Amino acid sequence: MEDRGELKKYLLDVIGEEGCGVSCTEADVFKDEEGWKMMLEGFMEPWYLGKTVPEAREKIKEYASQGFGLA
C-alpha cells in the first residue's frame, strides 16, 4: 500500500533515525476500520493517527513535538 510506505517514511523524516531508533525502524503503520494507526516497538497498543493520510501526518508531527519516547 503506497500510503502506508509514505507514512512510514514521513515518520522517519520528522523524527530522524537517531531520535527514534528501533521503535520506528520496526514500526507497523496500518489502516483498519477506525483509520490509520502505528504500532511501535516497545508499546502495548497502537497509536491512532487519523482517518486520512494528511491527518496521520499531522498526528505524527504532534507526537514528535511532544516527545512520547520518540525524540
PDB file of N, CA and C in Angstrom:
ATOM      1  N   MET A   1       0.848  -1.181   0.000  1.00  0.00           N
ATOM      2  CA  MET A   1       0.000   0.000   0.000  1.00  0.00           C
ATOM      3  C   MET A   1       0.891   1.240   0.000  1.00  0.00           C
ATOM      4  N   GLU A   2       0.669   2.088  -0.963  1.00  0.00           N
ATOM      5  CA  GLU A   2       1.502   3.273  -1.154  1.00  0.00           C
ATOM      6  C   GLU A   2       1.416   4.248   0.027  1.00  0.00           C
ATOM      7  N   ASP A   3       0.218   4.489   0.544  1.00  0.00           N
ATOM      8  CA  ASP A   3       0.039   5.418   1.661  1.00  0.00           C
ATOM      9  C   ASP A   3       0.786   4.945   2.900  1.00  0.00           C
ATOM     10  N   ARG A   4       0.786   3.652   3.133  1.00  0.00           N
ATOM     11  CA  ARG A   4       1.476   3.080   4.293  1.00  0.00           C
ATOM     12  C   ARG A   4       2.971   3.400   4.240  1.00  0.00           C
ATOM     13  N   GLY A   5       3.581   3.186   3.078  1.00  0.00           N
ATOM     14  CA  GLY A   5       5.001   3.485   2.900  1.00  0.00           C
ATOM     15  C   GLY A   5       5.297   4.965   3.055  1.00  0.00           C
ATOM     16  N   GLU A   6       4.386   5.794   2.542  1.00  0.00           N
ATOM     17  CA  GLU A   6       4.554   7.237   2.665  1.00  0.00           C
ATOM     18  C   GLU A   6       4.548   7.669   4.131  1.00  0.00           C
ATOM     19  N   LEU A   7       3.626   7.118   4.916  1.00  0.00           N
ATOM     20  CA  LEU A   7       3.545   7.493   6.333  1.00  0.00           C
ATOM     21  C   LEU A   7       4.750   6.993   7.118  1.00  0.00           C
ATOM     22  N   LYS A   8       5.220   5.796   6.797  1.00  0.00           N
ATOM     23  CA  LYS A   8       6.397   5.273   7.496  1.00  0.00           C
ATOM     24  C   LYS A   8       7.633   6.118   7.185  1.00  0.00           C
ATOM     25  N   LYS A   9       7.773   6.520   5.924  1.00  0.00           N
ATOM     26  CA  LYS A   9       8.893   7.386   5.541  1.00  0.00           C
ATOM     27  C   LYS A   9       8.772   8.741   6.229  1.00  0.00           C
ATOM     28  N   TYR A  10       7.557   9.279   6.286  1.00  0.00           N
ATOM     29  CA  TYR A  10       7.333  10.565   6.944  1.00  0.00           C
ATOM     30  C   TYR A  10       7.702  10.485   8.431  1.00  0.00           C
ATOM     31  N   LEU A  11       7.368   9.381   9.066  1.00  0.00           N
ATOM     32  CA  LEU A  11       7.726   9.171  10.468  1.00  0.00           C
ATOM     33  C   LEU A  11       9.232   9.294  10.671  1.00  0.00           C
ATOM     34  N   LEU A  12       9.998   8.643   9.824  1.00  0.00           N
ATOM     35  CA  LEU A  12      11.466   8.726   9.933  1.00  0.00           C
ATOM     36  C   LEU A  12      11.981  10.108   9.581  1.00  0.00           C
ATOM     37  N   ASP A  13      11.357  10.765   8.595  1.00  0.00           N
ATOM     38  CA  ASP A  13      11.784  12.112   8.204  1.00  0.00           C
ATOM     39  C   ASP A  13      11.568  13.122   9.324  1.00  0.00           C
ATOM     40  N   VAL A  14      10.425  13.041   9.995  1.00  0.00           N
ATOM     41  CA  VAL A  14      10.078  14.001  11.049  1.00  0.00           C
ATOM     42  C   VAL A  14      10.920  13.783  12.294  1.00  0.00           C
ATOM     43  N   ILE A  15      11.093  12.549  12.673  1.00  0.00           N
ATOM     44  CA  ILE A  15      11.758  12.248  13.935  1.00  0.00           C
ATOM     45  C   ILE A  15      13.251  12.010  13.758  1.00  0.00           C
ATOM     46  N   GLY A  16      13.633  11.444  12.637  1.00  0.00           N
ATOM     47  CA  GLY A  16      15.037  11.126  12.398  1.00  0.00           C
ATOM     48  C   GLY A  16      15.386   9.785  13.015  1.00  0.00           C
ATOM     49  N   GLU A  17      16.274   9.073  12.388  1.00  0.00           N
ATOM     50  CA  GLU A  17      16.635   7.739  12.866  1.00  0.00           C
ATOM     51  C   GLU A  17      17.227   7.770  14.270  1.00  0.00           C
ATOM     52  N   GLU A  18      18.052   8.788  14.570  1.00  0.00           N
ATOM     53  CA  GLU A  18      18.677   8.847  15.891  1.00  0.00           C
ATOM     54  C   GLU A  18      17.663   9.160  16.991  1.00  0.00           C
ATOM     55  N   GLY A  19      16.607   9.857  16.659  1.00  0.00           N
ATOM     56  CA  GLY A  19      15.589  10.197  17.650  1.00  0.00           C
ATOM     57  C   GLY A  19      14.582   9.095  17.867  1.00  0.00           C
ATOM     58  N   CYS A  20      14.551   8.153  16.965  1.00  0.00           N
ATOM     59  CA  CYS A  20      13.527   7.128  17.001  1.00  0.00           C
ATOM     60  C   CYS A  20      14.090   5.737  17.262  1.00  0.00           C
ATOM     61  N   GLY A  21      15.237   5.463  16.725  1.00  0.00           N
ATOM     62  CA  GLY A  21      15.870   4.168  16.937  1.00  0.00           C
ATOM     63  C   GLY A  21      15.022   3.009  16.439  1.00  0.00           C
ATOM     64  N   VAL A  22      15.073   1.918  17.177  1.00  0.00           N
ATOM     65  CA  VAL A  22      14.374   0.699  16.772  1.00  0.00           C
ATOM     66  C   VAL A  22      12.862   0.866  16.790  1.00  0.00           C
ATOM     67  N   SER A  23      12.343   1.784  17.589  1.00  0.00           N
ATOM     68  CA  SER A  23      10.892   1.984  17.651  1.00  0.00           C
ATOM     69  C   SER A  23      10.315   2.304  16.282  1.00  0.00           C
ATOM     70  N   CYS A  24      11.011   3.105  15.489  1.00  0.00           N
ATOM     71  CA  CYS A  24      10.493   3.495  14.179  1.00  0.00           C
ATOM     72  C   CYS A  24      10.895   2.520  13.083  1.00  0.00           C
ATOM     73  N   THR A  25      12.097   1.977  13.161  1.00  0.00           N
ATOM     74  CA  THR A  25      12.504   1.060  12.101  1.00  0.00           C
ATOM     75  C   THR A  25      11.644  -0.196  12.126  1.00  0.00           C
ATOM     76  N   GLU A  26      11.120  -0.542  13.287  1.00  0.00           N
ATOM     77  CA  GLU A  26      10.232  -1.699  13.414  1.00  0.00           C
ATOM     78  C   GLU A  26       8.767  -1.281  13.474  1.00  0.00           C
ATOM     79  N   ALA A  27       8.468  -0.037  13.134  1.00  0.00           N
ATOM     80  CA  ALA A  27       7.094   0.474  13.216  1.00  0.00           C
ATOM     81  C   ALA A  27       6.199  -0.224  12.203  1.00  0.00           C
ATOM     82  N   ASP A  28       4.988  -0.491  12.632  1.00  0.00           N
ATOM     83  CA  ASP A  28       3.975  -1.037  11.742  1.00  0.00           C
ATOM     84  C   ASP A  28       2.901   0.022  11.576  1.00  0.00           C
ATOM     85  N   VAL A  29       2.784   0.574  10.384  1.00  0.00           N
ATOM     86  CA  VAL A  29       1.761   1.569  10.084  1.00  0.00           C
ATOM     87  C   VAL A  29       0.671   0.840   9.302  1.00  0.00           C
ATOM     88  N   PHE A  30      -0.563   0.962   9.764  1.00  0.00           N
ATOM     89  CA  PHE A  30      -1.644   0.233   9.109  1.00  0.00           C
ATOM     90  C   PHE A  30      -2.954   1.008   9.200  1.00  0.00           C
ATOM     91  N   LYS A  31      -3.904   0.595   8.391  1.00  0.00           N
ATOM     92  CA  LYS A  31      -5.222   1.217   8.393  1.00  0.00           C
ATOM     93  C   LYS A  31      -6.248   0.130   8.688  1.00  0.00           C
ATOM     94  N   ASP A  32      -7.121   0.403   9.664  1.00  0.00           N
ATOM     95  CA  ASP A  32      -8.220  -0.502   9.959  1.00  0.00           C
ATOM     96  C   ASP A  32      -9.530   0.266   9.854  1.00  0.00           C
ATOM     97  N   GLU A  33     -10.600  -0.281  10.392  1.00  0.00           N
ATOM     98  CA  GLU A  33     -11.907   0.371  10.264  1.00  0.00           C
ATOM     99  C   GLU A  33     -11.975   1.719  10.975  1.00  0.00           C
ATOM    100  N   GLU A  34     -11.118   1.965  11.945  1.00  0.00           N
ATOM    101  CA  GLU A  34     -11.095   3.244  12.663  1.00  0.00           C
ATOM    102  C   GLU A  34     -10.257   4.301  11.956  1.00  0.00           C
ATOM    103  N   GLY A  35      -9.290   3.882  11.157  1.00  0.00           N
ATOM    104  CA  GLY A  35      -8.402   4.808  10.474  1.00  0.00           C
ATOM    105  C   GLY A  35      -6.956   4.343  10.549  1.00  0.00           C
ATOM    106  N   TRP A  36      -6.025   5.286  10.326  1.00  0.00           N
ATOM    107  CA  TRP A  36      -4.587   4.988  10.344  1.00  0.00           C
ATOM    108  C   TRP A  36      -4.081   4.869  11.779  1.00  0.00           C
ATOM    109  N   LYS A  37      -3.205   3.886  11.989  1.00  0.00           N
ATOM    110  CA  LYS A  37      -2.586   3.665  13.296  1.00  0.00           C
ATOM    111  C   LYS A  37      -1.139   3.254  13.083  1.00  0.00           C
ATOM    112  N   MET A  38      -0.350   3.404  14.143  1.00  0.00           N
ATOM    113  CA  MET A  38       1.015   2.886  14.092  1.00  0.00           C
ATOM    114  C   MET A  38       1.296   2.137  15.378  1.00  0.00           C
ATOM    115  N   MET A  39       1.969   1.031  15.215  1.00  0.00           N
ATOM    116  CA  MET A  39       2.385   0.217  16.349  1.00  0.00           C
ATOM    117  C   MET A  39       3.895   0.292  16.410  1.00  0.00           C
ATOM    118  N   LEU A  40       4.402   0.841  17.509  1.00  0.00           N
ATOM    119  CA  LEU A  40       5.844   0.993  17.676  1.00  0.00           C
ATOM    120  C   LEU A  40       6.390  -0.079  18.601  1.00  0.00           C
ATOM    121  N   GLU A  41       7.592  -0.493  18.344  1.00  0.00           N
ATOM    122  CA  GLU A  41       8.287  -1.459  19.177  1.00  0.00           C
ATOM    123  C   GLU A  41       8.335  -0.965  20.620  1.00  0.00           C
ATOM    124  N   GLY A  42       7.968  -1.804  21.558  1.00  0.00           N
ATOM    125  CA  GLY A  42       8.037  -1.442  22.972  1.00  0.00           C
ATOM    126  C   GLY A  42       6.759  -0.829  23.523  1.00  0.00           C
ATOM    127  N   PHE A  43       5.752  -0.619  22.689  1.00  0.00           N
ATOM    128  CA  PHE A  43       4.481  -0.067  23.152  1.00  0.00           C
ATOM    129  C   PHE A  43       3.415  -1.147  23.067  1.00  0.00           C
ATOM    130  N   MET A  44       2.498  -1.145  24.027  1.00  0.00           N
ATOM    131  CA  MET A  44       1.485  -2.198  24.120  1.00  0.00           C
ATOM    132  C   MET A  44       0.342  -2.027  23.116  1.00  0.00           C
ATOM    133  N   GLU A  45      -0.028  -0.806  22.828  1.00  0.00           N
ATOM    134  CA  GLU A  45      -1.184  -0.530  21.974  1.00  0.00           C
ATOM    135  C   GLU A  45      -0.775   0.320  20.778  1.00  0.00           C
ATOM    136  N   PRO A  46      -1.493   0.177  19.665  1.00  0.00           N
ATOM    137  CA  PRO A  46      -1.214   1.068  18.524  1.00  0.00           C
ATOM    138  C   PRO A  46      -1.664   2.490  18.823  1.00  0.00           C
ATOM    139  N   TRP A  47      -1.002   3.441  18.206  1.00  0.00           N
ATOM    140  CA  TRP A  47      -1.328   4.864  18.361  1.00  0.00           C
ATOM    141  C   TRP A  47      -2.218   5.287  17.211  1.00  0.00           C
ATOM    142  N   TYR A  48      -3.320   5.921  17.514  1.00  0.00           N
ATOM    143  CA  TYR A  48      -4.241   6.401  16.482  1.00  0.00           C
ATOM    144  C   TYR A  48      -3.636   7.610  15.783  1.00  0.00           C
ATOM    145  N   LEU A  49      -3.703   7.611  14.448  1.00  0.00           N
ATOM    146  CA  LEU A  49      -3.124   8.706  13.664  1.00  0.00           C
ATOM    147  C   LEU A  49      -4.170   9.551  12.948  1.00  0.00           C
ATOM    148  N   GLY A  50      -5.288   8.994  12.592  1.00  0.00           N
ATOM    149  CA  GLY A  50      -6.317   9.757  11.895  1.00  0.00           C
ATOM    150  C   GLY A  50      -6.982   8.944  10.809  1.00  0.00           C
ATOM    151  N   LYS A  51      -8.012   9.515  10.218  1.00  0.00           N
ATOM    152  CA  LYS A  51      -8.773   8.819   9.170  1.00  0.00           C
ATOM    153  C   LYS A  51      -8.136   8.969   7.793  1.00  0.00           C
ATOM    154  N   THR A  52      -7.419  10.067   7.571  1.00  0.00           N
ATOM    155  CA  THR A  52      -6.811  10.318   6.261  1.00  0.00           C
ATOM    156  C   THR A  52      -5.296  10.420   6.399  1.00  0.00           C
ATOM    157  N   VAL A  53      -4.607  10.345   5.281  1.00  0.00           N
ATOM    158  CA  VAL A  53      -3.145  10.479   5.294  1.00  0.00           C
ATOM    159  C   VAL A  53      -2.726  11.855   5.813  1.00  0.00           C
ATOM    160  N   PRO A  54      -3.358  12.960   5.380  1.00  0.00           N
ATOM    161  CA  PRO A  54      -2.966  14.268   5.940  1.00  0.00           C
ATOM    162  C   PRO A  54      -3.179  14.350   7.463  1.00  0.00           C
ATOM    163  N   GLU A  55      -4.264  13.775   7.965  1.00  0.00           N
ATOM    164  CA  GLU A  55      -4.479  13.750   9.423  1.00  0.00           C
ATOM    165  C   GLU A  55      -3.386  12.949  10.104  1.00  0.00           C
ATOM    166  N   ALA A  56      -3.026  11.823   9.508  1.00  0.00           N
ATOM    167  CA  ALA A  56      -1.976  10.971  10.080  1.00  0.00           C
ATOM    168  C   ALA A  56      -0.640  11.699  10.121  1.00  0.00           C
ATOM    169  N   ARG A  57      -0.327  12.436   9.057  1.00  0.00           N
ATOM    170  CA  ARG A  57       0.931  13.199   9.024  1.00  0.00           C
ATOM    171  C   ARG A  57       0.950  14.241  10.145  1.00  0.00           C
ATOM    172  N   GLU A  58      -0.165  14.933  10.349  1.00  0.00           N
ATOM    173  CA  GLU A  58      -0.256  15.939  11.418  1.00  0.00           C
ATOM    174  C   GLU A  58      -0.089  15.304  12.799  1.00  0.00           C
ATOM    175  N   LYS A  59      -0.698  14.142  13.000  1.00  0.00           N
ATOM    176  CA  LYS A  59      -0.616  13.464  14.300  1.00  0.00           C
ATOM    177  C   LYS A  59       0.807  12.984  14.561  1.00  0.00           C
ATOM    178  N   ILE A  60       1.487  12.496  13.534  1.00  0.00           N
ATOM    179  CA  ILE A  60       2.889  12.092  13.696  1.00  0.00           C
ATOM    180  C   ILE A  60       3.720  13.296  14.124  1.00  0.00           C
ATOM    181  N   LYS A  61       3.490  14.436  13.477  1.00  0.00           N
ATOM    182  CA  LYS A  61       4.217  15.662  13.822  1.00  0.00           C
ATOM    183  C   LYS A  61       3.915  16.066  15.271  1.00  0.00           C
ATOM    184  N   GLU A  62       2.652  15.948  15.673  1.00  0.00           N
ATOM    185  CA  GLU A  62       2.261  16.289  17.043  1.00  0.00           C
ATOM    186  C   GLU A  62       2.929  15.359  18.053  1.00  0.00           C
ATOM    187  N   TYR A  63       2.891  14.055  17.800  1.00  0.00           N
ATOM    188  CA  TYR A  63       3.546  13.101  18.703  1.00  0.00           C
ATOM    189  C   TYR A  63       5.037  13.399  18.823  1.00  0.00           C
ATOM    190  N   ALA A  64       5.678  13.717  17.715  1.00  0.00           N
ATOM    191  CA  ALA A  64       7.113  14.010  17.725  1.00  0.00           C
ATOM    192  C   ALA A  64       7.420  15.256  18.528  1.00  0.00           C
ATOM    193  N   SER A  65       6.570  16.270  18.409  1.00  0.00           N
ATOM    194  CA  SER A  65       6.837  17.524  19.129  1.00  0.00           C
ATOM    195  C   SER A  65       6.661  17.369  20.636  1.00  0.00           C
ATOM    196  N   GLN A  66       5.875  16.393  21.054  1.00  0.00           N
ATOM    197  CA  GLN A  66       5.632  16.166  22.476  1.00  0.00           C
ATOM    198  C   GLN A  66       6.582  15.156  23.081  1.00  0.00           C
ATOM    199  N   GLY A  67       7.410  14.564  22.250  1.00  0.00           N
ATOM    200  CA  GLY A  67       8.344  13.563  22.742  1.00  0.00           C
ATOM    201  C   GLY A  67       7.761  12.167  22.656  1.00  0.00           C
ATOM    202  N   PHE A  68       6.987  11.784  23.633  1.00  0.00           N
ATOM    203  CA  PHE A  68       6.357  10.470  23.694  1.00  0.00           C
ATOM    204  C   PHE A  68       7.340   9.345  23.431  1.00  0.00           C
ATOM    205  N   GLY A  69       8.592   9.518  23.867  1.00  0.00           N
ATOM    206  CA  GLY A  69       9.591   8.484  23.696  1.00  0.00           C
ATOM    207  C   GLY A  69      10.117   8.363  22.286  1.00  0.00           C
ATOM    208  N   LEU A  70       9.765   9.335  21.438  1.00  0.00           N
ATOM    209  CA  LEU A  70      10.199   9.240  20.043  1.00  0.00           C
ATOM    210  C   LEU A  70      11.403  10.083  19.727  1.00  0.00           C
ATOM    211  N   ALA A  71      11.568  11.201  20.418  1.00  0.00           N
ATOM    212  CA  ALA A  71      12.650  12.094  20.045  1.00  0.00           C
ATOM    213  C   ALA A  71      13.554  12.363  21.225  1.00  0.00           C
TER     214      ALA A  71
END
